[in-house]
């Protein structure tokens, strides 16, 4: 993953700055997400019934499973901001699920830098246009604008209060 200065990133608004590797969405991943989310609809977790009763030929991933892997895909593909000490997912705008992800499909994410906005000194909101592609499909699995807060260096507002060393009490 490349590192960019704030000026380099600002000059790159409108450009694609990363494409992740392909990730296989297998039944084990779908089942694990169903366990975490409590969403055990047959279309996700019952391959035989999904094959017989749906137009998809088998199970499909939960839409929010696709969203849940975006952080891992971004870690592979998005450039790191020089001096960044922390990054926080701040939300999504215009999140749309356009195409189901069938079991066994491979997906990847493309990240286009939409906007870079300095909120306060050392705090930058980065807006990414994200497209999650499905290998061999014309229509993507999802598109969204992803807001991400990045914090640079130490600022007064973000400086942590020192903790006493282990085993020592403060007065």
N, C-alpha and C. Protein backbone atom coordinates (compact mmCIF):
# COMPACT_ATOMS: atom_id res chain seq x y z
N UNK A 1 0.85 -1.17 0.00
CA UNK A 1 0.00 0.00 0.00
C UNK A 1 0.90 1.23 0.00
N UNK A 2 0.63 2.14 -0.90
CA UNK A 2 1.43 3.35 -1.04
C UNK A 2 1.12 4.35 0.07
N UNK A 3 2.04 5.25 0.29
CA UNK A 3 1.82 6.35 1.23
C UNK A 3 1.84 7.64 0.43
N UNK A 4 0.90 8.54 0.75
CA UNK A 4 0.81 9.81 0.04
C UNK A 4 0.80 10.94 1.06
N UNK A 5 1.36 12.07 0.68
CA UNK A 5 1.24 13.26 1.52
C UNK A 5 -0.16 13.83 1.35
N UNK A 6 -0.52 14.73 2.23
CA UNK A 6 -1.83 15.39 2.14
C UNK A 6 -1.95 16.13 0.81
N UNK A 7 -0.88 16.82 0.38
CA UNK A 7 -0.91 17.56 -0.89
C UNK A 7 -1.05 16.62 -2.09
N UNK A 8 -0.33 15.50 -2.06
CA UNK A 8 -0.44 14.52 -3.15
C UNK A 8 -1.85 13.95 -3.22
N UNK A 9 -2.42 13.68 -2.04
CA UNK A 9 -3.77 13.12 -2.02
C UNK A 9 -4.77 14.17 -2.52
N UNK A 10 -4.61 15.41 -2.08
CA UNK A 10 -5.52 16.48 -2.52
C UNK A 10 -5.46 16.66 -4.04
N UNK A 11 -4.27 16.49 -4.61
CA UNK A 11 -4.11 16.62 -6.07
C UNK A 11 -4.69 15.43 -6.82
N UNK A 12 -5.06 14.37 -6.10
CA UNK A 12 -5.55 13.14 -6.72
C UNK A 12 -7.07 12.99 -6.66
N UNK A 13 -7.77 14.03 -6.20
CA UNK A 13 -9.23 13.96 -6.14
C UNK A 13 -9.76 13.65 -7.54
N UNK A 14 -10.68 12.71 -7.62
CA UNK A 14 -11.27 12.30 -8.88
C UNK A 14 -10.58 11.11 -9.52
N UNK A 15 -9.46 10.67 -8.93
CA UNK A 15 -8.70 9.57 -9.50
C UNK A 15 -8.92 8.27 -8.71
N UNK A 16 -8.82 7.16 -9.43
CA UNK A 16 -8.83 5.85 -8.76
C UNK A 16 -7.47 5.67 -8.10
N UNK A 17 -7.49 5.43 -6.78
CA UNK A 17 -6.24 5.31 -6.03
C UNK A 17 -5.99 3.92 -5.50
N UNK A 18 -6.84 2.98 -5.83
CA UNK A 18 -6.58 1.63 -5.38
C UNK A 18 -7.60 0.63 -5.85
N UNK A 19 -7.11 -0.59 -6.09
CA UNK A 19 -7.95 -1.74 -6.44
C UNK A 19 -7.46 -2.89 -5.58
N UNK A 20 -8.37 -3.51 -4.85
CA UNK A 20 -7.99 -4.61 -3.98
C UNK A 20 -7.74 -5.89 -4.76
N UNK A 21 -7.21 -6.88 -4.07
CA UNK A 21 -7.12 -8.23 -4.63
C UNK A 21 -8.53 -8.84 -4.64
N UNK A 22 -8.68 -9.91 -5.39
CA UNK A 22 -9.95 -10.64 -5.41
C UNK A 22 -10.11 -11.41 -4.11
N UNK A 23 -11.34 -11.47 -3.61
CA UNK A 23 -11.69 -12.19 -2.40
C UNK A 23 -12.83 -13.15 -2.72
N UNK A 24 -12.67 -14.43 -2.37
CA UNK A 24 -13.71 -15.43 -2.61
C UNK A 24 -14.73 -15.37 -1.47
N UNK A 25 -15.99 -15.30 -1.83
CA UNK A 25 -17.08 -15.35 -0.85
C UNK A 25 -17.59 -16.79 -0.85
N UNK A 26 -17.11 -17.56 0.12
CA UNK A 26 -17.50 -18.97 0.19
C UNK A 26 -18.60 -19.18 1.24
N UNK A 27 -19.15 -20.39 1.27
CA UNK A 27 -20.25 -20.67 2.18
C UNK A 27 -19.84 -20.53 3.64
N UNK A 28 -18.61 -20.86 3.98
CA UNK A 28 -18.15 -20.73 5.37
C UNK A 28 -18.21 -19.27 5.82
N UNK A 29 -17.81 -18.35 4.95
CA UNK A 29 -17.86 -16.92 5.28
C UNK A 29 -19.32 -16.46 5.42
N UNK A 30 -20.18 -16.92 4.52
CA UNK A 30 -21.60 -16.56 4.59
C UNK A 30 -22.22 -17.09 5.87
N UNK A 31 -21.91 -18.34 6.23
CA UNK A 31 -22.45 -18.94 7.45
C UNK A 31 -21.96 -18.20 8.70
N UNK A 32 -20.69 -17.84 8.71
CA UNK A 32 -20.13 -17.11 9.86
C UNK A 32 -20.82 -15.75 10.02
N UNK A 33 -21.08 -15.07 8.90
CA UNK A 33 -21.78 -13.78 8.98
C UNK A 33 -23.21 -13.98 9.46
N UNK A 34 -23.87 -15.05 9.03
CA UNK A 34 -25.23 -15.34 9.50
C UNK A 34 -25.23 -15.54 11.01
N UNK A 35 -24.22 -16.22 11.53
CA UNK A 35 -24.13 -16.44 12.97
C UNK A 35 -23.94 -15.13 13.73
N UNK A 36 -23.11 -14.25 13.20
CA UNK A 36 -22.85 -12.96 13.85
C UNK A 36 -24.07 -12.05 13.76
N UNK A 37 -24.71 -12.02 12.60
CA UNK A 37 -25.82 -11.09 12.37
C UNK A 37 -27.17 -11.63 12.84
N UNK A 38 -27.27 -12.95 13.03
CA UNK A 38 -28.55 -13.55 13.38
C UNK A 38 -29.48 -13.71 12.19
N UNK A 39 -28.97 -13.47 10.99
CA UNK A 39 -29.78 -13.55 9.77
C UNK A 39 -29.54 -14.90 9.11
N UNK A 40 -30.40 -15.87 9.43
CA UNK A 40 -30.26 -17.23 8.92
C UNK A 40 -31.30 -17.56 7.85
N UNK A 41 -31.64 -16.58 7.01
CA UNK A 41 -32.59 -16.86 5.94
C UNK A 41 -32.03 -17.95 5.03
N UNK A 42 -32.91 -18.79 4.53
CA UNK A 42 -32.46 -19.93 3.72
C UNK A 42 -31.67 -19.48 2.50
N UNK A 43 -31.97 -18.31 1.97
CA UNK A 43 -31.27 -17.83 0.77
C UNK A 43 -29.77 -17.67 1.01
N UNK A 44 -29.39 -17.55 2.28
CA UNK A 44 -27.98 -17.41 2.66
C UNK A 44 -27.37 -18.72 3.14
N UNK A 45 -28.11 -19.50 3.91
CA UNK A 45 -27.49 -20.60 4.65
C UNK A 45 -27.96 -22.01 4.27
N UNK A 46 -28.92 -22.14 3.38
CA UNK A 46 -29.41 -23.47 3.01
C UNK A 46 -29.17 -23.68 1.51
N UNK A 47 -27.99 -24.22 1.16
CA UNK A 47 -27.64 -24.36 -0.27
C UNK A 47 -28.65 -25.16 -1.08
N UNK A 48 -29.17 -26.25 -0.53
CA UNK A 48 -30.10 -27.09 -1.29
C UNK A 48 -31.40 -26.34 -1.57
N UNK A 49 -31.96 -25.71 -0.55
CA UNK A 49 -33.22 -24.98 -0.74
C UNK A 49 -33.00 -23.75 -1.65
N UNK A 50 -31.89 -23.05 -1.46
CA UNK A 50 -31.60 -21.88 -2.30
C UNK A 50 -31.43 -22.29 -3.77
N UNK A 51 -30.80 -23.45 -3.99
CA UNK A 51 -30.63 -23.95 -5.36
C UNK A 51 -31.99 -24.26 -5.99
N UNK A 52 -32.91 -24.83 -5.19
CA UNK A 52 -34.21 -25.25 -5.71
C UNK A 52 -35.21 -24.09 -5.84
N UNK A 53 -35.11 -23.09 -4.95
CA UNK A 53 -36.18 -22.09 -4.87
C UNK A 53 -35.80 -20.67 -5.29
N UNK A 54 -34.56 -20.44 -5.66
CA UNK A 54 -34.18 -19.07 -6.04
C UNK A 54 -33.64 -19.05 -7.47
N UNK A 55 -33.60 -17.88 -8.07
CA UNK A 55 -33.04 -17.78 -9.42
C UNK A 55 -31.51 -17.70 -9.44
N UNK A 56 -30.87 -17.81 -8.27
CA UNK A 56 -29.43 -17.60 -8.18
C UNK A 56 -28.60 -18.87 -8.29
N UNK A 57 -29.24 -20.03 -8.29
CA UNK A 57 -28.51 -21.28 -8.42
C UNK A 57 -27.82 -21.73 -7.15
N UNK A 58 -28.11 -21.09 -6.05
CA UNK A 58 -27.50 -21.43 -4.76
C UNK A 58 -27.62 -20.25 -3.82
N UNK A 59 -26.86 -20.29 -2.75
CA UNK A 59 -26.93 -19.24 -1.75
C UNK A 59 -26.25 -17.97 -2.25
N UNK A 60 -26.62 -16.86 -1.61
CA UNK A 60 -25.98 -15.57 -1.88
C UNK A 60 -25.51 -14.96 -0.57
N UNK A 61 -24.52 -14.09 -0.68
CA UNK A 61 -24.01 -13.39 0.50
C UNK A 61 -25.02 -12.36 0.98
N UNK A 62 -25.00 -12.08 2.26
CA UNK A 62 -25.75 -10.96 2.81
C UNK A 62 -25.15 -9.68 2.22
N UNK A 63 -25.98 -8.70 1.93
CA UNK A 63 -25.46 -7.43 1.45
C UNK A 63 -24.49 -6.82 2.45
N UNK A 64 -24.84 -6.90 3.73
CA UNK A 64 -23.97 -6.30 4.74
C UNK A 64 -22.70 -7.11 4.97
N UNK A 65 -22.67 -8.37 4.54
CA UNK A 65 -21.41 -9.12 4.53
C UNK A 65 -20.46 -8.45 3.55
N UNK A 66 -20.97 -8.08 2.39
CA UNK A 66 -20.14 -7.40 1.40
C UNK A 66 -19.58 -6.11 1.99
N UNK A 67 -20.42 -5.35 2.68
CA UNK A 67 -19.94 -4.12 3.33
C UNK A 67 -18.89 -4.45 4.39
N UNK A 68 -19.10 -5.54 5.13
CA UNK A 68 -18.19 -5.87 6.24
C UNK A 68 -16.77 -6.18 5.80
N UNK A 69 -16.58 -6.61 4.56
CA UNK A 69 -15.22 -6.92 4.10
C UNK A 69 -14.52 -5.71 3.49
N UNK A 70 -15.22 -4.57 3.39
CA UNK A 70 -14.61 -3.40 2.78
C UNK A 70 -13.37 -2.91 3.53
N UNK A 71 -13.37 -2.98 4.84
CA UNK A 71 -12.17 -2.53 5.58
C UNK A 71 -10.95 -3.35 5.20
N UNK A 72 -11.11 -4.65 5.09
CA UNK A 72 -9.99 -5.51 4.69
C UNK A 72 -9.55 -5.21 3.27
N UNK A 73 -10.49 -5.00 2.37
CA UNK A 73 -10.15 -4.68 0.99
C UNK A 73 -9.47 -3.31 0.90
N UNK A 74 -9.95 -2.36 1.70
CA UNK A 74 -9.34 -1.02 1.71
C UNK A 74 -7.93 -1.07 2.27
N UNK A 75 -7.69 -1.90 3.27
CA UNK A 75 -6.34 -2.01 3.85
C UNK A 75 -5.34 -2.46 2.80
N UNK A 76 -5.78 -3.26 1.85
CA UNK A 76 -4.91 -3.71 0.75
C UNK A 76 -4.68 -2.62 -0.28
N UNK A 77 -5.71 -1.81 -0.53
CA UNK A 77 -5.71 -0.99 -1.73
C UNK A 77 -5.59 0.51 -1.53
N UNK A 78 -6.15 1.05 -0.46
CA UNK A 78 -6.14 2.50 -0.30
C UNK A 78 -4.76 2.98 0.11
N UNK A 79 -4.33 4.13 -0.41
CA UNK A 79 -3.05 4.67 0.02
C UNK A 79 -3.13 5.15 1.47
N UNK A 80 -2.03 5.03 2.13
CA UNK A 80 -1.92 5.52 3.51
C UNK A 80 -1.56 6.99 3.45
N UNK A 81 -2.16 7.80 4.30
CA UNK A 81 -1.86 9.22 4.38
C UNK A 81 -0.64 9.41 5.27
N UNK A 82 0.41 10.05 4.76
CA UNK A 82 1.65 10.25 5.50
C UNK A 82 1.34 10.95 6.83
N UNK A 83 1.91 10.45 7.90
CA UNK A 83 1.70 11.03 9.23
C UNK A 83 0.44 10.58 9.93
N UNK A 84 -0.33 9.69 9.29
CA UNK A 84 -1.60 9.24 9.87
C UNK A 84 -1.33 8.35 11.07
N UNK A 85 -2.02 8.66 12.16
CA UNK A 85 -1.90 7.82 13.35
C UNK A 85 -3.14 6.98 13.60
N UNK A 86 -4.27 7.37 12.95
CA UNK A 86 -5.50 6.64 13.20
C UNK A 86 -6.47 6.93 12.06
N UNK A 87 -7.30 5.95 11.76
CA UNK A 87 -8.34 6.09 10.75
C UNK A 87 -9.63 5.50 11.32
N UNK A 88 -10.72 6.22 11.14
CA UNK A 88 -12.01 5.77 11.67
C UNK A 88 -13.05 5.78 10.55
N UNK A 89 -13.77 4.68 10.41
CA UNK A 89 -14.88 4.63 9.46
C UNK A 89 -15.98 5.54 9.99
N UNK A 90 -16.41 6.48 9.18
CA UNK A 90 -17.35 7.49 9.62
C UNK A 90 -18.75 7.31 9.05
N UNK A 91 -18.88 6.41 8.09
CA UNK A 91 -20.20 6.13 7.56
C UNK A 91 -20.23 6.01 6.06
N UNK A 92 -21.43 5.75 5.55
CA UNK A 92 -21.65 5.60 4.12
C UNK A 92 -22.76 6.54 3.68
N UNK A 93 -22.63 7.07 2.49
CA UNK A 93 -23.71 7.79 1.82
C UNK A 93 -24.00 7.02 0.54
N UNK A 94 -25.25 7.03 0.14
CA UNK A 94 -25.64 6.44 -1.13
C UNK A 94 -25.23 4.97 -1.27
N UNK A 95 -25.31 4.22 -0.21
CA UNK A 95 -24.97 2.79 -0.24
C UNK A 95 -26.09 2.06 -0.96
N UNK A 96 -25.73 1.37 -2.06
CA UNK A 96 -26.73 0.63 -2.84
C UNK A 96 -26.20 -0.75 -3.18
N UNK A 97 -27.04 -1.75 -2.96
CA UNK A 97 -26.73 -3.13 -3.34
C UNK A 97 -27.36 -3.36 -4.71
N UNK A 98 -26.53 -3.60 -5.72
CA UNK A 98 -27.02 -3.67 -7.09
C UNK A 98 -27.10 -5.07 -7.67
N UNK A 99 -26.33 -6.00 -7.10
CA UNK A 99 -26.26 -7.34 -7.68
C UNK A 99 -25.90 -8.31 -6.56
N UNK A 100 -26.63 -9.42 -6.44
CA UNK A 100 -26.29 -10.38 -5.38
C UNK A 100 -24.94 -11.05 -5.65
N UNK A 101 -24.25 -11.35 -4.57
CA UNK A 101 -22.97 -12.06 -4.65
C UNK A 101 -23.25 -13.54 -4.37
N UNK A 102 -23.13 -14.35 -5.41
CA UNK A 102 -23.40 -15.79 -5.27
C UNK A 102 -22.25 -16.48 -4.54
N UNK A 103 -22.59 -17.56 -3.84
CA UNK A 103 -21.56 -18.35 -3.17
C UNK A 103 -20.51 -18.76 -4.20
N UNK A 104 -19.25 -18.65 -3.82
CA UNK A 104 -18.15 -19.00 -4.70
C UNK A 104 -17.66 -17.86 -5.59
N UNK A 105 -18.39 -16.73 -5.58
CA UNK A 105 -17.99 -15.59 -6.40
C UNK A 105 -16.74 -14.92 -5.82
N UNK A 106 -16.03 -14.25 -6.71
CA UNK A 106 -14.88 -13.45 -6.29
C UNK A 106 -15.24 -11.98 -6.46
N UNK A 107 -14.93 -11.20 -5.41
CA UNK A 107 -15.22 -9.77 -5.44
C UNK A 107 -13.93 -8.99 -5.20
N UNK A 108 -13.93 -7.75 -5.65
CA UNK A 108 -12.84 -6.84 -5.34
C UNK A 108 -13.42 -5.43 -5.28
N UNK A 109 -12.68 -4.52 -4.64
CA UNK A 109 -13.15 -3.15 -4.49
C UNK A 109 -12.23 -2.18 -5.22
N UNK A 110 -12.86 -1.18 -5.81
CA UNK A 110 -12.15 -0.06 -6.45
C UNK A 110 -12.46 1.19 -5.64
N UNK A 111 -11.42 2.00 -5.42
CA UNK A 111 -11.54 3.19 -4.58
C UNK A 111 -11.13 4.43 -5.38
N UNK A 112 -12.11 5.31 -5.61
CA UNK A 112 -11.86 6.58 -6.28
C UNK A 112 -11.97 7.67 -5.22
N UNK A 113 -10.95 8.51 -5.12
CA UNK A 113 -10.96 9.60 -4.15
C UNK A 113 -11.94 10.67 -4.61
N UNK A 114 -12.99 10.89 -3.85
CA UNK A 114 -14.03 11.84 -4.22
C UNK A 114 -13.76 13.22 -3.62
N UNK A 115 -13.35 13.26 -2.35
CA UNK A 115 -13.17 14.55 -1.69
C UNK A 115 -12.22 14.38 -0.51
N UNK A 116 -11.47 15.43 -0.23
CA UNK A 116 -10.57 15.50 0.92
C UNK A 116 -10.88 16.81 1.61
N UNK A 117 -11.26 16.75 2.88
CA UNK A 117 -11.69 17.95 3.59
C UNK A 117 -11.04 17.99 4.96
N UNK A 118 -10.31 19.07 5.24
CA UNK A 118 -9.71 19.22 6.57
C UNK A 118 -10.77 19.79 7.50
N UNK A 119 -11.13 19.01 8.49
CA UNK A 119 -12.18 19.41 9.43
C UNK A 119 -11.61 20.34 10.50
N UNK A 120 -10.48 19.96 11.05
CA UNK A 120 -9.72 20.72 12.05
C UNK A 120 -8.26 20.40 11.78
N UNK A 121 -7.37 21.13 12.38
CA UNK A 121 -5.95 20.78 12.18
C UNK A 121 -5.70 19.32 12.59
N UNK A 122 -5.16 18.57 11.67
CA UNK A 122 -4.83 17.18 11.95
C UNK A 122 -5.96 16.19 11.76
N UNK A 123 -7.16 16.67 11.37
CA UNK A 123 -8.31 15.79 11.17
C UNK A 123 -8.84 16.00 9.76
N UNK A 124 -8.79 14.95 8.95
CA UNK A 124 -9.19 15.04 7.55
C UNK A 124 -10.30 14.02 7.30
N UNK A 125 -11.36 14.47 6.64
CA UNK A 125 -12.40 13.54 6.18
C UNK A 125 -12.12 13.23 4.72
N UNK A 126 -11.98 11.95 4.43
CA UNK A 126 -11.73 11.47 3.08
C UNK A 126 -13.02 10.78 2.62
N UNK A 127 -13.52 11.17 1.46
CA UNK A 127 -14.70 10.54 0.89
C UNK A 127 -14.26 9.73 -0.32
N UNK A 128 -14.57 8.45 -0.29
CA UNK A 128 -14.22 7.52 -1.37
C UNK A 128 -15.48 7.10 -2.11
N UNK A 129 -15.42 7.05 -3.44
CA UNK A 129 -16.44 6.37 -4.22
C UNK A 129 -15.97 4.93 -4.34
N UNK A 130 -16.75 4.03 -3.80
CA UNK A 130 -16.38 2.61 -3.74
C UNK A 130 -17.29 1.81 -4.66
N UNK A 131 -16.68 0.94 -5.43
CA UNK A 131 -17.42 -0.01 -6.26
C UNK A 131 -16.90 -1.40 -5.93
N UNK A 132 -17.79 -2.30 -5.55
CA UNK A 132 -17.40 -3.69 -5.34
C UNK A 132 -17.86 -4.47 -6.55
N UNK A 133 -16.87 -4.96 -7.29
CA UNK A 133 -17.11 -5.72 -8.51
C UNK A 133 -17.23 -7.21 -8.20
N UNK A 134 -17.99 -7.89 -9.03
CA UNK A 134 -18.07 -9.34 -8.99
C UNK A 134 -17.41 -9.84 -10.27
N UNK A 135 -16.42 -10.71 -10.12
CA UNK A 135 -15.70 -11.21 -11.28
C UNK A 135 -16.67 -11.84 -12.28
N UNK A 136 -16.55 -11.43 -13.54
CA UNK A 136 -17.38 -11.98 -14.60
C UNK A 136 -18.76 -11.35 -14.73
N UNK A 137 -19.10 -10.42 -13.86
CA UNK A 137 -20.41 -9.77 -13.91
C UNK A 137 -20.24 -8.33 -14.39
N UNK A 138 -21.17 -7.88 -15.21
CA UNK A 138 -21.12 -6.50 -15.69
C UNK A 138 -21.56 -5.52 -14.60
N UNK A 139 -22.56 -5.92 -13.82
CA UNK A 139 -23.14 -5.05 -12.80
C UNK A 139 -22.42 -5.31 -11.46
N UNK A 140 -22.01 -4.24 -10.74
CA UNK A 140 -21.30 -4.44 -9.47
C UNK A 140 -22.23 -4.93 -8.36
N UNK A 141 -21.61 -5.45 -7.31
CA UNK A 141 -22.36 -5.89 -6.13
C UNK A 141 -22.90 -4.70 -5.37
N UNK A 142 -22.07 -3.68 -5.20
CA UNK A 142 -22.51 -2.49 -4.49
C UNK A 142 -21.70 -1.29 -4.93
N UNK A 143 -22.30 -0.13 -4.73
CA UNK A 143 -21.63 1.15 -4.90
C UNK A 143 -21.98 2.00 -3.68
N UNK A 144 -21.06 2.85 -3.29
CA UNK A 144 -21.30 3.70 -2.12
C UNK A 144 -20.29 4.83 -2.09
N UNK A 145 -20.62 5.84 -1.31
CA UNK A 145 -19.62 6.81 -0.90
C UNK A 145 -19.29 6.48 0.54
N UNK A 146 -18.01 6.32 0.81
CA UNK A 146 -17.54 5.89 2.12
C UNK A 146 -16.78 7.06 2.74
N UNK A 147 -17.21 7.48 3.90
CA UNK A 147 -16.55 8.57 4.62
C UNK A 147 -15.61 7.97 5.65
N UNK A 148 -14.41 8.50 5.67
CA UNK A 148 -13.36 7.99 6.53
C UNK A 148 -12.67 9.17 7.17
N UNK A 149 -12.53 9.17 8.49
CA UNK A 149 -11.79 10.23 9.18
C UNK A 149 -10.37 9.75 9.41
N UNK A 150 -9.43 10.59 9.07
CA UNK A 150 -8.01 10.28 9.27
C UNK A 150 -7.42 11.34 10.18
N UNK A 151 -6.68 10.87 11.16
CA UNK A 151 -6.07 11.76 12.15
C UNK A 151 -4.56 11.71 11.98
N UNK A 152 -3.96 12.89 11.90
CA UNK A 152 -2.54 13.01 11.65
C UNK A 152 -1.82 13.40 12.93
N UNK A 153 -0.66 12.82 13.17
CA UNK A 153 0.20 13.21 14.29
C UNK A 153 -0.53 13.36 15.59
N UNK A 154 0.08 14.04 16.52
CA UNK A 154 -0.53 14.31 17.82
C UNK A 154 -1.09 15.72 17.82
N UNK A 155 -2.34 15.87 18.18
CA UNK A 155 -2.95 17.19 18.35
C UNK A 155 -3.41 17.30 19.78
N UNK A 156 -3.64 18.50 20.25
CA UNK A 156 -4.11 18.69 21.63
C UNK A 156 -5.40 17.92 21.87
N UNK A 157 -6.31 17.97 20.90
CA UNK A 157 -7.60 17.30 21.07
C UNK A 157 -7.46 15.79 21.04
N UNK A 158 -6.45 15.29 20.33
CA UNK A 158 -6.33 13.85 20.17
C UNK A 158 -5.26 13.22 21.02
N UNK A 159 -4.51 14.02 21.77
CA UNK A 159 -3.43 13.46 22.57
C UNK A 159 -3.99 12.62 23.70
N UNK A 160 -3.44 11.47 23.87
CA UNK A 160 -3.89 10.57 24.94
C UNK A 160 -3.28 10.99 26.27
N UNK A 161 -4.03 10.79 27.33
CA UNK A 161 -3.50 11.04 28.66
C UNK A 161 -2.60 9.87 29.04
N UNK A 162 -1.37 10.16 29.48
CA UNK A 162 -0.47 9.05 29.83
C UNK A 162 -1.05 8.22 30.97
N UNK A 163 -0.87 6.93 30.89
CA UNK A 163 -1.32 6.03 31.96
C UNK A 163 -0.14 5.69 32.85
N UNK A 164 -0.40 5.43 34.12
CA UNK A 164 0.71 5.02 34.99
C UNK A 164 1.26 3.67 34.52
N UNK A 165 2.51 3.43 34.78
CA UNK A 165 3.12 2.15 34.43
C UNK A 165 2.40 1.04 35.16
N UNK A 166 2.40 -0.14 34.57
CA UNK A 166 1.71 -1.29 35.17
C UNK A 166 2.21 -1.51 36.60
N UNK A 167 1.27 -1.72 37.49
CA UNK A 167 1.63 -2.00 38.88
C UNK A 167 1.88 -0.75 39.72
N UNK A 168 1.76 0.43 39.15
CA UNK A 168 1.98 1.67 39.90
C UNK A 168 0.70 2.48 39.92
N UNK A 169 0.36 2.98 41.04
CA UNK A 169 -0.82 3.81 41.18
C UNK A 169 -0.44 5.27 41.10
N UNK A 170 -1.30 6.08 40.54
CA UNK A 170 -1.01 7.51 40.52
C UNK A 170 -1.50 8.14 41.81
N UNK A 171 -0.89 9.25 42.17
CA UNK A 171 -1.22 9.90 43.46
C UNK A 171 -2.48 10.67 43.36
